[in-house]
Amino acid sequence: FIGQIGAVVQLRRERNRPRPYKMWLYPLPCILALVGWSYMYLTAAPLFIVLGLVTLLAGSAAFLLWAWRTEGWPFGTKEAG
């Protein structure tokens, strides 16, 4: 979920175009979500932190393998969508 918070901020900065929705009090909801998820992550048992990191690495590897086979980003010139 922390990655999604970063993606919202990045999309808002790079592609500032009209959207069908508005985030009230932006960026306060992003900051509150980041604080909450960071607290949950940092206070979790070490086993759950390791399992989360393993899941993140496995998902990243699966994405990179898929992108490589389909010649998509970051290995080719195809854009997603």
Protein backbone atom coordinates (compact mmCIF):
# COMPACT_ATOMS: atom_id res chain seq x y z
CA PHE A 1 0.00 0.00 0.00
CA ILE A 2 2.95 2.32 0.55
CA GLY A 3 3.80 1.92 -3.14
CA GLN A 4 0.29 3.02 -4.08
CA ILE A 5 0.71 6.19 -2.04
CA GLY A 6 3.89 6.98 -3.96
CA ALA A 7 2.16 6.23 -7.26
CA VAL A 8 -0.69 8.65 -6.49
CA VAL A 9 1.79 11.43 -5.77
CA GLN A 10 3.88 10.66 -8.85
CA LEU A 11 0.88 10.55 -11.19
CA ARG A 12 -0.43 13.80 -9.80
CA ARG A 13 2.94 15.51 -10.37
CA GLU A 14 3.75 14.08 -13.80
CA ARG A 15 0.32 13.89 -15.41
CA ASN A 16 -1.64 16.80 -14.05
CA ARG A 17 -4.79 16.50 -16.15
CA PRO A 18 -8.51 16.54 -15.36
CA ARG A 19 -9.69 13.48 -13.46
CA PRO A 20 -13.17 12.18 -12.65
CA TYR A 21 -12.39 12.34 -8.94
CA LYS A 22 -10.75 14.67 -6.44
CA MET A 23 -8.81 13.83 -3.30
CA TRP A 24 -9.98 16.22 -0.59
CA LEU A 25 -7.23 17.92 1.41
CA TYR A 26 -4.48 16.49 -0.83
CA PRO A 27 -1.75 15.55 0.24
CA LEU A 28 -2.97 15.09 3.84
CA PRO A 29 -4.70 11.71 3.14
CA CYS A 30 -1.49 10.43 1.54
CA ILE A 31 0.59 11.51 4.51
CA LEU A 32 -1.83 9.95 7.02
CA ALA A 33 -1.93 6.69 5.05
CA LEU A 34 1.88 6.62 4.83
CA VAL A 35 2.22 7.15 8.58
CA GLY A 36 -0.37 4.46 9.34
CA TRP A 37 1.05 1.82 7.00
CA SER A 38 4.62 2.59 8.09
CA TYR A 39 3.61 2.15 11.72
CA MET A 40 1.95 -1.19 10.95
CA TYR A 41 5.00 -2.37 9.01
CA LEU A 42 7.59 -1.27 11.55
CA THR A 43 5.74 -2.73 14.55
CA ALA A 44 5.06 -6.11 12.92
CA ALA A 45 6.87 -9.24 13.98
CA PRO A 46 10.12 -9.88 12.07
CA LEU A 47 8.63 -12.98 10.44
CA PHE A 48 5.85 -10.93 8.82
CA ILE A 49 8.33 -8.29 7.63
CA VAL A 50 10.45 -10.99 5.98
CA LEU A 51 7.39 -12.63 4.41
CA GLY A 52 6.28 -9.25 3.08
CA LEU A 53 9.69 -8.61 1.53
CA VAL A 54 9.79 -12.11 0.00
CA THR A 55 6.33 -11.54 -1.49
CA LEU A 56 7.45 -8.16 -2.86
CA LEU A 57 10.54 -9.71 -4.47
CA ALA A 58 8.55 -12.61 -5.94
CA GLY A 59 5.99 -10.22 -7.42
CA SER A 60 8.73 -8.01 -8.86
CA ALA A 61 10.46 -11.03 -10.40
CA ALA A 62 7.17 -12.27 -11.91
CA PHE A 63 6.49 -8.82 -13.39
CA LEU A 64 9.97 -8.53 -14.86
CA LEU A 65 9.73 -12.02 -16.37
CA TRP A 66 6.34 -11.17 -17.91
CA ALA A 67 7.62 -7.81 -19.21
CA TRP A 68 10.69 -9.48 -20.71
CA ARG A 69 8.61 -12.13 -22.48
CA THR A 70 6.13 -9.59 -23.87
CA GLU A 71 8.86 -7.02 -24.63
CA GLY A 72 7.05 -4.47 -22.50
CA TRP A 73 8.41 -1.84 -20.17
CA PRO A 74 11.28 -1.79 -19.13
CA PHE A 75 12.65 -4.17 -21.77
CA GLY A 76 10.96 -2.89 -24.92
CA THR A 77 9.19 0.04 -26.43
CA LYS A 78 5.62 -1.12 -25.76
CA GLU A 79 3.71 0.94 -23.22
CA ALA A 80 1.26 -0.59 -20.81
CA GLY A 81 -2.40 -0.23 -21.71
